[in-house]
C-alpha atoms as a PDB file:
ATOM      1  CA  MET A   1      34.745  30.702 -59.145  1.00  0.00           C
ATOM      2  CA  ASN A   2      37.529  30.556 -61.736  1.00  0.00           C
ATOM      3  CA  PRO A   3      38.736  26.905 -61.959  1.00  0.00           C
ATOM      4  CA  ASP A   4      42.365  27.860 -61.329  1.00  0.00           C
ATOM      5  CA  ALA A   5      41.359  29.926 -58.296  1.00  0.00           C
ATOM      6  CA  LEU A   6      39.285  26.993 -57.066  1.00  0.00           C
ATOM      7  CA  ILE A   7      42.282  24.650 -57.298  1.00  0.00           C
ATOM      8  CA  VAL A   8      44.500  27.141 -55.436  1.00  0.00           C
ATOM      9  CA  THR A   9      41.856  27.690 -52.738  1.00  0.00           C
ATOM     10  CA  THR A  10      41.234  23.962 -52.325  1.00  0.00           C
ATOM     11  CA  ALA A  11      44.986  23.316 -52.035  1.00  0.00           C
ATOM     12  CA  PHE A  12      45.237  25.933 -49.255  1.00  0.00           C
ATOM     13  CA  VAL A  13      42.347  24.400 -47.294  1.00  0.00           C
ATOM     14  CA  VAL A  14      43.780  20.895 -47.714  1.00  0.00           C
ATOM     15  CA  GLY A  15      47.106  22.156 -46.345  1.00  0.00           C
ATOM     16  CA  LEU A  16      45.430  23.920 -43.435  1.00  0.00           C
ATOM     17  CA  VAL A  17      43.250  20.968 -42.411  1.00  0.00           C
ATOM     18  CA  GLY A  18      45.789  18.301 -43.318  1.00  0.00           C
ATOM     19  CA  SER A  19      48.541  19.946 -41.268  1.00  0.00           C
ATOM     20  CA  LEU A  20      47.323  17.838 -38.354  1.00  0.00           C
ATOM     21  CA  HIS A  21      48.966  14.985 -40.256  1.00  0.00           C
ATOM     22  CA  CYS A  22      52.139  17.092 -40.446  1.00  0.00           C
ATOM     23  CA  ALA A  23      52.100  17.525 -36.680  1.00  0.00           C
ATOM     24  CA  GLY A  24      52.268  13.776 -36.208  1.00  0.00           C
ATOM     25  CA  MET A  25      54.608  12.899 -39.072  1.00  0.00           C
ATOM     26  CA  CYS A  26      56.955  15.908 -39.146  1.00  0.00           C
ATOM     27  CA  GLY A  27      56.779  17.171 -35.567  1.00  0.00           C
ATOM     28  CA  GLY A  28      59.996  15.417 -34.646  1.00  0.00           C
ATOM     29  CA  ILE A  29      61.784  16.752 -37.737  1.00  0.00           C
ATOM     30  CA  VAL A  30      60.645  20.309 -37.073  1.00  0.00           C
ATOM     31  CA  SER A  31      61.759  20.111 -33.454  1.00  0.00           C
ATOM     32  CA  MET A  32      65.139  18.655 -34.468  1.00  0.00           C
ATOM     33  CA  LEU A  33      65.772  21.424 -37.005  1.00  0.00           C
ATOM     34  CA  HIS A  34      64.872  24.172 -34.537  1.00  0.00           C
ATOM     35  CA  THR A  35      66.724  22.765 -31.548  1.00  0.00           C
ATOM     36  CA  GLY A  36      69.713  21.936 -33.773  1.00  0.00           C
ATOM     37  CA  GLN A  37      70.221  25.519 -34.945  1.00  0.00           C
ATOM     38  CA  LYS A  38      72.924  27.756 -33.539  1.00  0.00           C
ATOM     39  CA  ILE A  39      71.915  31.148 -34.832  1.00  0.00           C
ATOM     40  CA  SER A  40      72.967  33.961 -32.515  1.00  0.00           C
ATOM     41  CA  SER A  41      70.229  35.265 -30.239  1.00  0.00           C
ATOM     42  CA  ARG A  42      68.187  32.174 -31.027  1.00  0.00           C
ATOM     43  CA  SER A  43      66.538  32.481 -27.631  1.00  0.00           C
ATOM     44  CA  SER A  44      64.683  35.608 -28.718  1.00  0.00           C
ATOM     45  CA  LEU A  45      61.170  35.123 -30.042  1.00  0.00           C
ATOM     46  CA  GLY A  46      61.922  37.306 -33.074  1.00  0.00           C
ATOM     47  CA  SER A  47      64.904  35.192 -34.090  1.00  0.00           C
ATOM     48  CA  ALA A  48      62.890  32.010 -33.589  1.00  0.00           C
ATOM     49  CA  TRP A  49      60.171  33.284 -35.914  1.00  0.00           C
ATOM     50  CA  ILE A  50      62.666  34.308 -38.603  1.00  0.00           C
ATOM     51  CA  THR A  51      64.279  30.880 -38.402  1.00  0.00           C
ATOM     52  CA  SER A  52      60.876  29.224 -38.641  1.00  0.00           C
ATOM     53  CA  MET A  53      59.992  31.341 -41.682  1.00  0.00           C
ATOM     54  CA  ALA A  54      63.289  30.325 -43.311  1.00  0.00           C
ATOM     55  CA  PHE A  55      62.666  26.622 -42.704  1.00  0.00           C
ATOM     56  CA  ASN A  56      59.107  26.837 -43.980  1.00  0.00           C
ATOM     57  CA  GLY A  57      60.038  29.151 -46.842  1.00  0.00           C
ATOM     58  CA  GLY A  58      62.491  26.573 -48.172  1.00  0.00           C
ATOM     59  CA  ARG A  59      59.929  23.798 -47.775  1.00  0.00           C
ATOM     60  CA  ILE A  60      57.236  25.770 -49.599  1.00  0.00           C
ATOM     61  CA  LEU A  61      59.686  26.661 -52.379  1.00  0.00           C
ATOM     62  CA  SER A  62      60.231  22.941 -52.967  1.00  0.00           C
ATOM     63  CA  TYR A  63      56.470  22.373 -52.971  1.00  0.00           C
ATOM     64  CA  SER A  64      56.064  25.088 -55.623  1.00  0.00           C
ATOM     65  CA  VAL A  65      58.710  23.498 -57.839  1.00  0.00           C
ATOM     66  CA  ALA A  66      57.009  20.113 -57.444  1.00  0.00           C
ATOM     67  CA  GLY A  67      53.664  21.738 -58.270  1.00  0.00           C
ATOM     68  CA  ALA A  68      55.017  23.209 -61.505  1.00  0.00           C
ATOM     69  CA  VAL A  69      56.454  19.809 -62.468  1.00  0.00           C
ATOM     70  CA  ALA A  70      53.199  17.996 -61.627  1.00  0.00           C
ATOM     71  CA  ALA A  71      51.159  20.467 -63.676  1.00  0.00           C
ATOM     72  CA  SER A  72      53.594  20.040 -66.588  1.00  0.00           C
ATOM     73  CA  VAL A  73      52.976  16.295 -66.424  1.00  0.00           C
ATOM     74  CA  GLY A  74      49.284  17.123 -66.484  1.00  0.00           C
ATOM     75  CA  VAL A  75      49.810  19.109 -69.695  1.00  0.00           C
ATOM     76  CA  SER A  76      51.443  16.041 -71.267  1.00  0.00           C
ATOM     77  CA  VAL A  77      48.556  13.789 -70.223  1.00  0.00           C
ATOM     78  CA  ILE A  78      46.028  16.245 -71.632  1.00  0.00           C
ATOM     79  CA  GLY A  79      48.012  16.335 -74.872  1.00  0.00           C
ATOM     80  CA  LEU A  80      47.865  12.551 -75.159  1.00  0.00           C
ATOM     81  CA  VAL A  81      44.197  11.922 -74.400  1.00  0.00           C
ATOM     82  CA  GLY A  82      42.608  15.274 -75.250  1.00  0.00           C
ATOM     83  CA  GLN A  83      41.663  18.277 -73.129  1.00  0.00           C
ATOM     84  CA  GLU A  84      38.174  17.193 -72.094  1.00  0.00           C
ATOM     85  CA  VAL A  85      39.066  13.612 -71.189  1.00  0.00           C
ATOM     86  CA  GLY A  86      42.405  14.634 -69.632  1.00  0.00           C
ATOM     87  CA  HIS A  87      40.903  17.245 -67.303  1.00  0.00           C
ATOM     88  CA  THR A  88      38.133  14.894 -66.251  1.00  0.00           C
ATOM     89  CA  ILE A  89      40.470  11.978 -65.521  1.00  0.00           C
ATOM     90  CA  MET A  90      42.958  14.043 -63.520  1.00  0.00           C
ATOM     91  CA  GLN A  91      40.318  15.864 -61.499  1.00  0.00           C
ATOM     92  CA  MET A  92      38.631  12.563 -60.677  1.00  0.00           C
ATOM     93  CA  LEU A  93      42.001  11.129 -59.620  1.00  0.00           C
ATOM     94  CA  GLY A  94      42.661  14.233 -57.538  1.00  0.00           C
ATOM     95  CA  GLY A  95      39.282  13.792 -55.834  1.00  0.00           C
ATOM     96  CA  LEU A  96      39.942  10.105 -55.158  1.00  0.00           C
ATOM     97  CA  PHE A  97      43.357  10.894 -53.677  1.00  0.00           C
ATOM     98  CA  MET A  98      41.789  13.474 -51.383  1.00  0.00           C
ATOM     99  CA  ILE A  99      39.158  10.976 -50.248  1.00  0.00           C
ATOM    100  CA  ALA A 100      41.947   8.469 -49.581  1.00  0.00           C
ATOM    101  CA  LEU A 101      43.834  11.179 -47.705  1.00  0.00           C
ATOM    102  CA  GLY A 102      40.759  11.808 -45.563  1.00  0.00           C
ATOM    103  CA  PHE A 103      40.683   8.146 -44.548  1.00  0.00           C
ATOM    104  CA  TYR A 104      44.435   8.334 -43.900  1.00  0.00           C
ATOM    105  CA  LEU A 105      44.145  11.411 -41.682  1.00  0.00           C
ATOM    106  CA  ALA A 106      41.258   9.893 -39.750  1.00  0.00           C
ATOM    107  CA  GLY A 107      43.273   6.716 -39.150  1.00  0.00           C
ATOM    108  CA  TRP A 108      40.756   4.484 -40.943  1.00  0.00           C
ATOM    109  CA  TRP A 109      42.973   3.385 -43.858  1.00  0.00           C
ATOM    110  CA  ASN A 110      46.720   3.637 -44.448  1.00  0.00           C
ATOM    111  CA  GLY A 111      46.789   3.023 -48.190  1.00  0.00           C
ATOM    112  CA  LEU A 112      48.694   6.248 -48.861  1.00  0.00           C
ATOM    113  CA  ALA A 113      51.580   4.874 -46.819  1.00  0.00           C
ATOM    114  CA  VAL A 114      52.290   2.579 -49.780  1.00  0.00           C
ATOM    115  CA  ILE A 115      52.609   5.593 -52.081  1.00  0.00           C
ATOM    116  CA  GLU A 116      54.924   7.301 -49.615  1.00  0.00           C
ATOM    117  CA  LYS A 117      57.352   4.405 -50.057  1.00  0.00           C
ATOM    118  CA  PHE A 118      57.915   5.398 -53.679  1.00  0.00           C
ATOM    119  CA  GLY A 119      59.008   8.849 -52.510  1.00  0.00           C
ATOM    120  CA  LEU A 120      61.675   7.227 -50.367  1.00  0.00           C
ATOM    121  CA  LYS A 121      63.769   6.636 -53.504  1.00  0.00           C
ATOM    122  CA  ILE A 122      64.098  10.393 -54.004  1.00  0.00           C
ATOM    123  CA  TRP A 123      64.508  11.079 -50.295  1.00  0.00           C
ATOM    124  CA  ASN A 124      67.277   8.479 -49.927  1.00  0.00           C
ATOM    125  CA  LYS A 125      69.324  10.436 -52.465  1.00  0.00           C
ATOM    126  CA  LEU A 126      68.678  13.794 -50.802  1.00  0.00           C
ATOM    127  CA  SER A 127      68.782  12.906 -47.101  1.00  0.00           C
ATOM    128  CA  PRO A 128      72.609  12.631 -46.904  1.00  0.00           C
ATOM    129  CA  LEU A 129      72.758  16.336 -47.802  1.00  0.00           C
ATOM    130  CA  THR A 130      70.986  17.229 -44.552  1.00  0.00           C
ATOM    131  CA  ARG A 131      73.941  16.035 -42.501  1.00  0.00           C
ATOM    132  CA  GLY A 132      76.118  18.742 -44.010  1.00  0.00           C
ATOM    133  CA  LEU A 133      73.626  21.435 -43.031  1.00  0.00           C
ATOM    134  CA  LEU A 134      73.410  20.639 -39.317  1.00  0.00           C
ATOM    135  CA  PRO A 135      73.807  22.428 -37.029  1.00  0.00           C
ATOM    136  CA  ILE A 136      72.032  25.394 -38.624  1.00  0.00           C
ATOM    137  CA  THR A 137      74.245  28.478 -38.217  1.00  0.00           C
ATOM    138  CA  SER A 138      72.485  30.978 -40.489  1.00  0.00           C
ATOM    139  CA  TYR A 139      69.081  31.843 -41.888  1.00  0.00           C
ATOM    140  CA  LEU A 140      70.323  30.788 -45.332  1.00  0.00           C
ATOM    141  CA  GLY A 141      71.228  27.417 -43.867  1.00  0.00           C
ATOM    142  CA  ALA A 142      67.710  27.156 -42.438  1.00  0.00           C
ATOM    143  CA  LEU A 143      66.297  27.960 -45.896  1.00  0.00           C
ATOM    144  CA  LYS A 144      68.417  25.200 -47.488  1.00  0.00           C
ATOM    145  CA  ALA A 145      67.430  22.674 -44.814  1.00  0.00           C
ATOM    146  CA  GLY A 146      63.783  23.554 -45.349  1.00  0.00           C
ATOM    147  CA  ALA A 147      64.138  23.102 -49.108  1.00  0.00           C
ATOM    148  CA  LEU A 148      65.423  19.556 -48.552  1.00  0.00           C
ATOM    149  CA  TRP A 149      62.698  18.864 -45.997  1.00  0.00           C
ATOM    150  CA  GLY A 150      60.143  19.692 -48.690  1.00  0.00           C
ATOM    151  CA  TRP A 151      61.034  16.471 -50.534  1.00  0.00           C
ATOM    152  CA  LEU A 152      60.339  14.207 -47.567  1.00  0.00           C
ATOM    153  CA  PRO A 153      57.847  11.472 -48.632  1.00  0.00           C
ATOM    154  CA  CYS A 154      54.365  12.574 -47.561  1.00  0.00           C
ATOM    155  CA  GLY A 155      50.935  11.292 -48.593  1.00  0.00           C
ATOM    156  CA  LEU A 156      49.449  14.714 -47.866  1.00  0.00           C
ATOM    157  CA  VAL A 157      51.811  16.410 -50.328  1.00  0.00           C
ATOM    158  CA  TYR A 158      51.271  13.717 -52.956  1.00  0.00           C
ATOM    159  CA  SER A 159      47.508  14.148 -52.719  1.00  0.00           C
ATOM    160  CA  ALA A 160      47.880  17.891 -53.244  1.00  0.00           C
ATOM    161  CA  LEU A 161      50.125  17.261 -56.251  1.00  0.00           C
ATOM    162  CA  MET A 162      47.489  15.015 -57.792  1.00  0.00           C
ATOM    163  CA  LEU A 163      45.040  17.863 -57.390  1.00  0.00           C
ATOM    164  CA  VAL A 164      47.281  20.440 -59.086  1.00  0.00           C
ATOM    165  CA  MET A 165      47.973  18.131 -62.027  1.00  0.00           C
ATOM    166  CA  ALA A 166      44.419  18.840 -63.139  1.00  0.00           C
ATOM    167  CA  SER A 167      45.242  22.527 -63.601  1.00  0.00           C
ATOM    168  CA  GLY A 168      47.208  21.774 -66.748  1.00  0.00           C
ATOM    169  CA  ASP A 169      49.260  24.939 -66.174  1.00  0.00           C
ATOM    170  CA  PRO A 170      52.700  25.028 -64.467  1.00  0.00           C
ATOM    171  CA  LEU A 171      52.150  28.506 -63.015  1.00  0.00           C
ATOM    172  CA  THR A 172      48.824  27.479 -61.503  1.00  0.00           C
ATOM    173  CA  GLY A 173      50.434  24.289 -60.219  1.00  0.00           C
ATOM    174  CA  ALA A 174      53.211  26.270 -58.529  1.00  0.00           C
ATOM    175  CA  ALA A 175      50.705  28.761 -57.086  1.00  0.00           C
ATOM    176  CA  ALA A 176      48.478  25.967 -55.769  1.00  0.00           C
ATOM    177  CA  MET A 177      51.365  24.220 -54.006  1.00  0.00           C
ATOM    178  CA  LEU A 178      52.490  27.585 -52.631  1.00  0.00           C
ATOM    179  CA  ALA A 179      48.995  28.005 -51.193  1.00  0.00           C
ATOM    180  CA  PHE A 180      49.096  24.438 -49.872  1.00  0.00           C
ATOM    181  CA  GLY A 181      52.385  25.124 -48.120  1.00  0.00           C
ATOM    182  CA  LEU A 182      51.053  28.343 -46.596  1.00  0.00           C
ATOM    183  CA  GLY A 183      48.113  26.351 -45.265  1.00  0.00           C
ATOM    184  CA  THR A 184      50.475  24.015 -43.399  1.00  0.00           C
ATOM    185  CA  MET A 185      52.554  26.842 -41.924  1.00  0.00           C
ATOM    186  CA  PRO A 186      50.513  27.747 -38.817  1.00  0.00           C
ATOM    187  CA  MET A 187      50.728  24.239 -37.384  1.00  0.00           C
ATOM    188  CA  LEU A 188      54.367  23.572 -38.304  1.00  0.00           C
ATOM    189  CA  SER A 189      55.518  27.032 -37.201  1.00  0.00           C
ATOM    190  CA  ALA A 190      53.825  26.526 -33.843  1.00  0.00           C
ATOM    191  CA  ILE A 191      55.587  23.191 -33.445  1.00  0.00           C
ATOM    192  CA  GLY A 192      58.934  24.727 -34.346  1.00  0.00           C
ATOM    193  CA  ILE A 193      58.590  27.647 -31.943  1.00  0.00           C
ATOM    194  CA  ALA A 194      57.492  25.338 -29.132  1.00  0.00           C
ATOM    195  CA  SER A 195      60.067  22.688 -30.132  1.00  0.00           C
ATOM    196  CA  GLU A 196      57.569  20.016 -29.215  1.00  0.00           C
ATOM    197  CA  ARG A 197      54.592  18.188 -30.694  1.00  0.00           C
ATOM    198  CA  VAL A 198      51.173  19.770 -30.546  1.00  0.00           C
ATOM    199  CA  ASN A 199      49.123  17.358 -28.473  1.00  0.00           C
ATOM    200  CA  ILE A 200      45.796  18.346 -29.994  1.00  0.00           C
ATOM    201  CA  ALA A 201      46.847  16.678 -33.238  1.00  0.00           C
ATOM    202  CA  ALA A 202      46.895  13.301 -31.521  1.00  0.00           C
ATOM    203  CA  LYS A 203      43.290  13.480 -30.355  1.00  0.00           C
ATOM    204  CA  PRO A 204      41.176  10.953 -32.331  1.00  0.00           C
ATOM    205  CA  LEU A 205      38.192  13.280 -32.592  1.00  0.00           C
ATOM    206  CA  VAL A 206      40.333  16.076 -34.053  1.00  0.00           C
ATOM    207  CA  ARG A 207      42.019  13.759 -36.562  1.00  0.00           C
ATOM    208  CA  ARG A 208      38.712  12.209 -37.616  1.00  0.00           C
ATOM    209  CA  SER A 209      37.090  15.611 -38.047  1.00  0.00           C
ATOM    210  CA  ALA A 210      40.008  16.726 -40.221  1.00  0.00           C
ATOM    211  CA  GLY A 211      39.813  13.501 -42.225  1.00  0.00           C
ATOM    212  CA  ILE A 212      36.093  13.916 -42.852  1.00  0.00           C
ATOM    213  CA  ALA A 213      36.613  17.540 -43.939  1.00  0.00           C
ATOM    214  CA  VAL A 214      39.256  16.515 -46.479  1.00  0.00           C
ATOM    215  CA  MET A 215      37.030  13.671 -47.711  1.00  0.00           C
ATOM    216  CA  LEU A 216      34.205  16.133 -48.309  1.00  0.00           C
ATOM    217  CA  PHE A 217      36.527  18.287 -50.396  1.00  0.00           C
ATOM    218  CA  GLY A 218      37.548  15.159 -52.301  1.00  0.00           C
ATOM    219  CA  VAL A 219      33.927  14.301 -53.028  1.00  0.00           C
ATOM    220  CA  PHE A 220      33.336  17.873 -54.206  1.00  0.00           C
ATOM    221  CA  VAL A 221      36.347  17.744 -56.562  1.00  0.00           C
ATOM    222  CA  PHE A 222      35.423  14.270 -57.841  1.00  0.00           C
ATOM    223  CA  ALA A 223      31.721  15.000 -58.346  1.00  0.00           C
ATOM    224  CA  GLY A 224      32.312  18.487 -59.692  1.00  0.00           C
ATOM    225  CA  THR A 225      34.586  17.541 -62.578  1.00  0.00           C
ATOM    226  CA  ASN A 226      32.015  18.419 -65.201  1.00  0.00           C
ATOM    227  CA  PHE A 227      31.414  21.803 -63.579  1.00  0.00           C
ATOM    228  CA  LEU A 228      35.137  22.557 -63.350  1.00  0.00           C
ATOM    229  CA  HIS A 229      35.747  21.461 -66.922  1.00  0.00           C
ATOM    230  CA  GLY A 230      32.871  23.547 -68.181  1.00  0.00           C
ATOM    231  CA  ALA A 231      34.388  26.588 -66.491  1.00  0.00           C
ATOM    232  CA  HIS A 232      37.505  26.218 -68.649  1.00  0.00           C
ATOM    233  CA  HIS A 233      35.450  26.993 -71.765  1.00  0.00           C
END
């Protein structure tokens, strides 16, 4: 598989499996946004889905911007240390972050919570803007609220960003984070439509299975750095 396509595919799977983490961490936020909206005919299922798509569309747009920025940083790192060494280092780091994320999802180690604290500095500057958007009275307002939500500190997102840094291409980085966001949509959309947490996400067996799956992807990315690098040539 093309290395860029592999990064995009891996990001999607990480988003899909890791969205169980979203259910626990963002379930309350999703419910608040949906129950706090005052769009006409909000009781209809069609309107609820459009609102959900607007929220998630804004969130995924922010992820794509962050992905392009992360990949641009990756380009700078590669320029400093050389293409071969740079790709290898970043892909190994991406693999390690995914392994750490697997432990985090499974509830065996909360090391990524420390990294989430750094994201609070950005969030503290953006969070006051959310007050001016509530209650949501239009689909555009839902899109804006979702775009702000996308910058909420999240170890899952940060792990995905570490993965896309290895692409060394802003367009691939944006595409990978777009795919990641699409992977998280089924779970978060379901939460929003139901306006309540999805109980299955709290089951230890489910969380551990998801954590192990993400860890396996991390091991694949970490151990396959030579293969991925060779595919660039």
